PDB file of N, CA and C in Angstrom:
ATOM      1  N   MET A   1      98.916  75.071  80.425  1.00  0.00           N
ATOM      2  CA  MET A   1      99.260  76.055  81.379  1.00  0.00           C
ATOM      3  C   MET A   1      99.696  75.219  82.860  1.00  0.00           C
ATOM      4  N   LEU A   2      99.076  74.031  83.306  1.00  0.00           N
ATOM      5  CA  LEU A   2      99.067  73.354  84.521  1.00  0.00           C
ATOM      6  C   LEU A   2     100.582  73.047  84.668  1.00  0.00           C
ATOM      7  N   LEU A   3     100.928  72.463  83.528  1.00  0.00           N
ATOM      8  CA  LEU A   3     102.553  71.838  83.655  1.00  0.00           C
ATOM      9  C   LEU A   3     103.594  73.105  83.445  1.00  0.00           C
ATOM     10  N   GLU A   4     103.386  74.243  82.853  1.00  0.00           N
ATOM     11  CA  GLU A   4     104.370  75.173  82.703  1.00  0.00           C
ATOM     12  C   GLU A   4     104.205  75.978  84.025  1.00  0.00           C
ATOM     13  N   TRP A   5     103.117  76.598  84.281  1.00  0.00           N
ATOM     14  CA  TRP A   5     102.737  77.454  85.442  1.00  0.00           C
ATOM     15  C   TRP A   5     102.270  77.040  86.804  1.00  0.00           C
ATOM     16  N   GLY A   6     101.363  76.107  86.581  1.00  0.00           N
ATOM     17  CA  GLY A   6     100.355  75.746  87.808  1.00  0.00           C
ATOM     18  C   GLY A   6      99.066  76.129  87.477  1.00  0.00           C
ATOM     19  N   SER A   7      98.328  75.776  88.651  1.00  0.00           N
ATOM     20  CA  SER A   7      96.901  75.792  88.813  1.00  0.00           C
ATOM     21  C   SER A   7      96.391  77.341  88.474  1.00  0.00           C
ATOM     22  N   CYS A   8      95.567  77.374  87.441  1.00  0.00           N
ATOM     23  CA  CYS A   8      95.250  78.675  87.038  1.00  0.00           C
ATOM     24  C   CYS A   8      93.488  78.940  87.594  1.00  0.00           C
ATOM     25  N   GLY A   9      93.173  78.096  88.461  1.00  0.00           N
ATOM     26  CA  GLY A   9      91.798  78.327  88.830  1.00  0.00           C
ATOM     27  C   GLY A   9      91.247  77.560  89.885  1.00  0.00           C
ATOM     28  N   ARG A  10      90.184  78.113  90.455  1.00  0.00           N
ATOM     29  CA  ARG A  10      89.711  77.401  91.613  1.00  0.00           C
ATOM     30  C   ARG A  10      88.117  77.306  91.457  1.00  0.00           C
ATOM     31  N   ILE A  11      87.532  76.244  91.990  1.00  0.00           N
ATOM     32  CA  ILE A  11      86.157  76.182  91.922  1.00  0.00           C
ATOM     33  C   ILE A  11      85.575  75.880  93.154  1.00  0.00           C
ATOM     34  N   ILE A  12      84.474  76.563  93.777  1.00  0.00           N
ATOM     35  CA  ILE A  12      84.096  76.122  95.314  1.00  0.00           C
ATOM     36  C   ILE A  12      82.873  75.440  94.946  1.00  0.00           C
ATOM     37  N   TYR A  13      82.567  74.363  95.377  1.00  0.00           N
ATOM     38  CA  TYR A  13      81.428  73.399  95.220  1.00  0.00           C
ATOM     39  C   TYR A  13      80.623  73.331  96.500  1.00  0.00           C
ATOM     40  N   VAL A  14      79.288  73.702  96.359  1.00  0.00           N
ATOM     41  CA  VAL A  14      78.354  73.564  97.603  1.00  0.00           C
ATOM     42  C   VAL A  14      77.298  72.294  97.079  1.00  0.00           C
ATOM     43  N   ASP A  15      77.323  71.235  97.536  1.00  0.00           N
ATOM     44  CA  ASP A  15      76.572  70.097  97.190  1.00  0.00           C
ATOM     45  C   ASP A  15      77.014  69.863  95.789  1.00  0.00           C
ATOM     46  N   ASN A  16      76.168  69.654  94.752  1.00  0.00           N
ATOM     47  CA  ASN A  16      76.563  69.811  93.537  1.00  0.00           C
ATOM     48  C   ASN A  16      76.455  70.906  92.396  1.00  0.00           C
ATOM     49  N   VAL A  17      76.462  72.079  93.341  1.00  0.00           N
ATOM     50  CA  VAL A  17      76.486  73.460  92.637  1.00  0.00           C
ATOM     51  C   VAL A  17      77.940  74.172  92.790  1.00  0.00           C
ATOM     52  N   ARG A  18      78.101  74.723  91.682  1.00  0.00           N
ATOM     53  CA  ARG A  18      79.293  75.501  91.591  1.00  0.00           C
ATOM     54  C   ARG A  18      79.186  76.871  91.798  1.00  0.00           C
ATOM     55  N   PRO A  19      79.003  77.371  93.165  1.00  0.00           N
ATOM     56  CA  PRO A  19      78.527  79.097  93.269  1.00  0.00           C
ATOM     57  C   PRO A  19      79.504  79.899  92.848  1.00  0.00           C
ATOM     58  N   ALA A  20      80.806  79.533  93.026  1.00  0.00           N
ATOM     59  CA  ALA A  20      82.036  80.354  92.838  1.00  0.00           C
ATOM     60  C   ALA A  20      83.322  79.792  92.116  1.00  0.00           C
ATOM     61  N   THR A  21      83.674  80.746  91.208  1.00  0.00           N
ATOM     62  CA  THR A  21      84.963  80.444  90.494  1.00  0.00           C
ATOM     63  C   THR A  21      85.898  81.625  90.483  1.00  0.00           C
ATOM     64  N   ARG A  22      87.186  81.371  90.072  1.00  0.00           N
ATOM     65  CA  ARG A  22      88.319  82.098  89.837  1.00  0.00           C
ATOM     66  C   ARG A  22      89.136  81.838  88.843  1.00  0.00           C
ATOM     67  N   SER A  23      89.784  82.541  88.077  1.00  0.00           N
ATOM     68  CA  SER A  23      90.888  82.169  87.125  1.00  0.00           C
ATOM     69  C   SER A  23      92.032  83.295  87.290  1.00  0.00           C
ATOM     70  N   THR A  24      93.123  82.724  87.315  1.00  0.00           N
ATOM     71  CA  THR A  24      94.506  83.366  87.403  1.00  0.00           C
ATOM     72  C   THR A  24      95.447  83.004  86.264  1.00  0.00           C
ATOM     73  N   ALA A  25      96.363  83.992  85.980  1.00  0.00           N
ATOM     74  CA  ALA A  25      97.444  83.489  84.887  1.00  0.00           C
ATOM     75  C   ALA A  25      98.580  84.464  85.109  1.00  0.00           C
ATOM     76  N   PRO A  26      99.680  83.985  84.553  1.00  0.00           N
ATOM     77  CA  PRO A  26     100.806  84.956  84.179  1.00  0.00           C
ATOM     78  C   PRO A  26     100.436  85.808  83.102  1.00  0.00           C
ATOM     79  N   PRO A  27     100.736  87.000  82.989  1.00  0.00           N
ATOM     80  CA  PRO A  27     100.576  88.118  82.185  1.00  0.00           C
ATOM     81  C   PRO A  27     100.900  87.399  80.549  1.00  0.00           C
ATOM     82  N   SER A  28     101.906  86.598  80.547  1.00  0.00           N
ATOM     83  CA  SER A  28     102.235  85.911  79.238  1.00  0.00           C
ATOM     84  C   SER A  28     101.256  85.204  78.650  1.00  0.00           C
ATOM     85  N   ALA A  29     100.311  84.461  79.486  1.00  0.00           N
ATOM     86  CA  ALA A  29      99.246  83.898  79.077  1.00  0.00           C
ATOM     87  C   ALA A  29      97.973  84.386  78.782  1.00  0.00           C
ATOM     88  N   VAL A  30      98.027  86.017  78.903  1.00  0.00           N
ATOM     89  CA  VAL A  30      96.743  86.698  78.813  1.00  0.00           C
ATOM     90  C   VAL A  30      96.919  87.791  77.636  1.00  0.00           C
ATOM     91  N   PRO A  31      96.590  87.125  76.487  1.00  0.00           N
ATOM     92  CA  PRO A  31      96.726  88.265  75.154  1.00  0.00           C
ATOM     93  C   PRO A  31      96.563  89.402  75.297  1.00  0.00           C
ATOM     94  N   ARG A  32      95.392  89.637  76.118  1.00  0.00           N
ATOM     95  CA  ARG A  32      94.741  91.181  76.192  1.00  0.00           C
ATOM     96  C   ARG A  32      95.391  91.934  77.595  1.00  0.00           C
ATOM     97  N   ALA A  33      96.241  91.458  78.300  1.00  0.00           N
ATOM     98  CA  ALA A  33      96.851  91.809  79.530  1.00  0.00           C
ATOM     99  C   ALA A  33      97.137  93.315  79.176  1.00  0.00           C
ATOM    100  N   VAL A  34      97.691  93.888  78.042  1.00  0.00           N
ATOM    101  CA  VAL A  34      98.203  95.344  77.812  1.00  0.00           C
ATOM    102  C   VAL A  34      96.843  96.064  77.947  1.00  0.00           C
ATOM    103  N   ALA A  35      95.676  95.626  77.619  1.00  0.00           N
ATOM    104  CA  ALA A  35      94.310  96.350  77.717  1.00  0.00           C
ATOM    105  C   ALA A  35      93.954  96.516  79.243  1.00  0.00           C
ATOM    106  N   PHE A  36      94.498  95.948  80.224  1.00  0.00           N
ATOM    107  CA  PHE A  36      93.988  95.980  81.686  1.00  0.00           C
ATOM    108  C   PHE A  36      94.156  97.323  81.885  1.00  0.00           C
ATOM    109  N   PRO A  37      93.372  97.949  82.943  1.00  0.00           N
ATOM    110  CA  PRO A  37      93.444  99.066  83.459  1.00  0.00           C
ATOM    111  C   PRO A  37      94.711  99.428  84.201  1.00  0.00           C
ATOM    112  N   THR A  38      95.307  98.403  84.542  1.00  0.00           N
ATOM    113  CA  THR A  38      96.541  98.447  85.571  1.00  0.00           C
ATOM    114  C   THR A  38      97.682  98.317  84.529  1.00  0.00           C
ATOM    115  N   ALA A  39      97.434  98.163  83.540  1.00  0.00           N
ATOM    116  CA  ALA A  39      98.803  97.860  82.476  1.00  0.00           C
ATOM    117  C   ALA A  39      99.929  98.973  82.544  1.00  0.00           C
ATOM    118  N   PRO A  40     100.884  98.836  82.190  1.00  0.00           N
ATOM    119  CA  PRO A  40     101.541  97.522  82.071  1.00  0.00           C
ATOM    120  C   PRO A  40     101.689  96.523  83.132  1.00  0.00           C
ATOM    121  N   VAL A  41     101.704  95.687  83.024  1.00  0.00           N
ATOM    122  CA  VAL A  41     101.688  94.263  84.033  1.00  0.00           C
ATOM    123  C   VAL A  41     103.168  93.882  83.986  1.00  0.00           C
ATOM    124  N   SER A  42     103.677  93.711  85.105  1.00  0.00           N
ATOM    125  CA  SER A  42     105.107  93.259  85.487  1.00  0.00           C
ATOM    126  C   SER A  42     105.196  91.651  85.086  1.00  0.00           C
ATOM    127  N   ALA A  43     106.137  91.252  84.527  1.00  0.00           N
ATOM    128  CA  ALA A  43     106.093  89.804  84.021  1.00  0.00           C
ATOM    129  C   ALA A  43     106.245  89.097  84.993  1.00  0.00           C
ATOM    130  N   ASP A  44     106.548  89.399  86.585  1.00  0.00           N
ATOM    131  CA  ASP A  44     106.402  88.497  87.448  1.00  0.00           C
ATOM    132  C   ASP A  44     105.020  88.552  88.135  1.00  0.00           C
ATOM    133  N   ALA A  45     104.145  89.308  87.704  1.00  0.00           N
ATOM    134  CA  ALA A  45     102.875  89.544  88.312  1.00  0.00           C
ATOM    135  C   ALA A  45     101.736  88.315  87.920  1.00  0.00           C
ATOM    136  N   VAL A  46     100.579  88.168  88.686  1.00  0.00           N
ATOM    137  CA  VAL A  46      99.721  87.105  88.377  1.00  0.00           C
ATOM    138  C   VAL A  46      98.518  88.051  88.432  1.00  0.00           C
ATOM    139  N   LEU A  47      97.780  87.925  87.318  1.00  0.00           N
ATOM    140  CA  LEU A  47      96.430  88.489  86.913  1.00  0.00           C
ATOM    141  C   LEU A  47      95.293  87.867  87.518  1.00  0.00           C
ATOM    142  N   LEU A  48      94.490  88.284  88.289  1.00  0.00           N
ATOM    143  CA  LEU A  48      93.192  87.672  88.352  1.00  0.00           C
ATOM    144  C   LEU A  48      92.244  87.985  87.391  1.00  0.00           C
ATOM    145  N   THR A  49      91.832  87.171  86.543  1.00  0.00           N
ATOM    146  CA  THR A  49      91.451  87.187  85.199  1.00  0.00           C
ATOM    147  C   THR A  49      89.840  87.184  85.380  1.00  0.00           C
ATOM    148  N   ALA A  50      89.277  86.566  86.494  1.00  0.00           N
ATOM    149  CA  ALA A  50      87.956  86.427  86.277  1.00  0.00           C
ATOM    150  C   ALA A  50      87.579  85.918  87.801  1.00  0.00           C
ATOM    151  N   LEU A  51      86.540  86.217  88.338  1.00  0.00           N
ATOM    152  CA  LEU A  51      86.071  85.787  89.510  1.00  0.00           C
ATOM    153  C   LEU A  51      84.475  85.802  89.615  1.00  0.00           C
ATOM    154  N   ARG A  52      83.980  84.857  89.935  1.00  0.00           N
ATOM    155  CA  ARG A  52      82.328  84.993  89.707  1.00  0.00           C
ATOM    156  C   ARG A  52      81.577  84.213  90.888  1.00  0.00           C
ATOM    157  N   VAL A  53      80.839  84.826  91.610  1.00  0.00           N
ATOM    158  CA  VAL A  53      79.937  84.211  92.486  1.00  0.00           C
ATOM    159  C   VAL A  53      78.287  84.397  92.136  1.00  0.00           C
ATOM    160  N   LEU A  54      77.824  83.344  92.158  1.00  0.00           N
ATOM    161  CA  LEU A  54      76.162  83.125  91.780  1.00  0.00           C
ATOM    162  C   LEU A  54      75.463  84.188  92.687  1.00  0.00           C
ATOM    163  N   PRO A  55      74.451  84.744  92.240  1.00  0.00           N
ATOM    164  CA  PRO A  55      73.753  85.612  93.008  1.00  0.00           C
ATOM    165  C   PRO A  55      73.307  85.180  94.477  1.00  0.00           C
ATOM    166  N   GLU A  56      72.786  84.210  94.168  1.00  0.00           N
ATOM    167  CA  GLU A  56      72.023  83.528  95.272  1.00  0.00           C
ATOM    168  C   GLU A  56      72.979  83.078  96.651  1.00  0.00           C
ATOM    169  N   PHE A  57      74.519  83.317  96.144  1.00  0.00           N
ATOM    170  CA  PHE A  57      75.530  83.044  97.218  1.00  0.00           C
ATOM    171  C   PHE A  57      76.395  84.227  97.325  1.00  0.00           C
ATOM    172  N   GLU A  58      75.809  85.443  97.076  1.00  0.00           N
ATOM    173  CA  GLU A  58      76.699  86.525  97.382  1.00  0.00           C
ATOM    174  C   GLU A  58      76.652  86.796  98.937  1.00  0.00           C
ATOM    175  N   ARG A  59      77.321  87.675  99.037  1.00  0.00           N
ATOM    176  CA  ARG A  59      77.498  87.992 100.731  1.00  0.00           C
ATOM    177  C   ARG A  59      77.857  86.887 101.794  1.00  0.00           C
ATOM    178  N   GLY A  60      78.477  85.746 101.154  1.00  0.00           N
ATOM    179  CA  GLY A  60      78.409  84.688 101.964  1.00  0.00           C
ATOM    180  C   GLY A  60      80.039  84.278 102.237  1.00  0.00           C
ATOM    181  N   GLY A  61      80.940  85.267 101.657  1.00  0.00           N
ATOM    182  CA  GLY A  61      82.390  85.167 101.824  1.00  0.00           C
ATOM    183  C   GLY A  61      83.094  84.255 100.854  1.00  0.00           C
ATOM    184  N   LEU A  62      82.418  83.696  99.851  1.00  0.00           N
ATOM    185  CA  LEU A  62      82.785  82.897  99.069  1.00  0.00           C
ATOM    186  C   LEU A  62      83.831  83.619  98.058  1.00  0.00           C
ATOM    187  N   GLY A  63      83.703  84.852  97.716  1.00  0.00           N
ATOM    188  CA  GLY A  63      84.723  85.461  96.879  1.00  0.00           C
ATOM    189  C   GLY A  63      85.832  85.776  97.861  1.00  0.00           C
ATOM    190  N   ARG A  64      85.791  86.298  99.179  1.00  0.00           N
ATOM    191  CA  ARG A  64      86.871  86.409  99.910  1.00  0.00           C
ATOM    192  C   ARG A  64      87.722  85.170 100.156  1.00  0.00           C
ATOM    193  N   VAL A  65      87.034  84.092  99.966  1.00  0.00           N
ATOM    194  CA  VAL A  65      87.855  82.792 100.184  1.00  0.00           C
ATOM    195  C   VAL A  65      88.667  82.522  99.010  1.00  0.00           C
ATOM    196  N   LEU A  66      87.988  82.826  97.830  1.00  0.00           N
ATOM    197  CA  LEU A  66      88.906  82.633  96.251  1.00  0.00           C
ATOM    198  C   LEU A  66      90.145  83.668  96.316  1.00  0.00           C
ATOM    199  N   VAL A  67      89.863  85.019  96.582  1.00  0.00           N
ATOM    200  CA  VAL A  67      90.953  85.710  96.445  1.00  0.00           C
ATOM    201  C   VAL A  67      92.130  85.190  97.449  1.00  0.00           C
ATOM    202  N   GLN A  68      91.585  84.987  98.822  1.00  0.00           N
ATOM    203  CA  GLN A  68      92.769  84.503  99.804  1.00  0.00           C
ATOM    204  C   GLN A  68      93.516  83.199  99.171  1.00  0.00           C
ATOM    205  N   ALA A  69      92.500  82.452  98.699  1.00  0.00           N
ATOM    206  CA  ALA A  69      93.089  81.247  98.010  1.00  0.00           C
ATOM    207  C   ALA A  69      94.241  81.718  96.895  1.00  0.00           C
ATOM    208  N   VAL A  70      94.126  82.574  96.017  1.00  0.00           N
ATOM    209  CA  VAL A  70      95.207  83.317  95.375  1.00  0.00           C
ATOM    210  C   VAL A  70      96.647  83.462  96.144  1.00  0.00           C
ATOM    211  N   ALA A  71      96.351  84.213  97.046  1.00  0.00           N
ATOM    212  CA  ALA A  71      97.611  84.612  97.829  1.00  0.00           C
ATOM    213  C   ALA A  71      98.322  83.204  98.498  1.00  0.00           C
ATOM    214  N   LYS A  72      97.502  82.554  98.955  1.00  0.00           N
ATOM    215  CA  LYS A  72      98.018  81.176  99.466  1.00  0.00           C
ATOM    216  C   LYS A  72      98.724  80.622  98.612  1.00  0.00           C
ATOM    217  N   ASP A  73      98.121  80.370  97.335  1.00  0.00           N
ATOM    218  CA  ASP A  73      98.653  79.545  96.227  1.00  0.00           C
ATOM    219  C   ASP A  73     100.022  80.182  95.653  1.00  0.00           C
ATOM    220  N   LEU A  74     100.067  81.482  95.937  1.00  0.00           N
ATOM    221  CA  LEU A  74     101.372  82.245  95.258  1.00  0.00           C
ATOM    222  C   LEU A  74     102.484  82.341  96.341  1.00  0.00           C
ATOM    223  N   THR A  75     102.265  82.351  97.560  1.00  0.00           N
ATOM    224  CA  THR A  75     103.059  82.007  98.728  1.00  0.00           C
ATOM    225  C   THR A  75     103.393  80.762  99.272  1.00  0.00           C
ATOM    226  N   GLY A  76     102.691  79.797  98.745  1.00  0.00           N
ATOM    227  CA  GLY A  76     102.872  78.590  98.941  1.00  0.00           C
ATOM    228  C   GLY A  76     102.354  78.043 100.225  1.00  0.00           C
ATOM    229  N   ALA A  77     101.762  78.845 101.212  1.00  0.00           N
ATOM    230  CA  ALA A  77     101.232  78.843 102.492  1.00  0.00           C
ATOM    231  C   ALA A  77     100.225  77.680 102.461  1.00  0.00           C
ATOM    232  N   ALA A  78     100.031  76.948 103.511  1.00  0.00           N
ATOM    233  CA  ALA A  78      99.355  75.848 103.605  1.00  0.00           C
ATOM    234  C   ALA A  78      97.878  76.497 104.269  1.00  0.00           C
TER     235      ALA A  78
END
């Protein structure tokens, strides 16, 4: 996936803990994309397939950081 499409996930580390992660992929790499509530998905779309923040880190903005990173990854913004 990395060679054909690029990075498909992000992990936030706080000390030695991974409190937040997210996964994205093109629809062609997600076999059940047709079952998503937003289906049909355009071939040039990117699916946010998973986002998790550990309960003890909720409301700290980590989820927002991960979603914003998706946009930056897609636009190439620094």
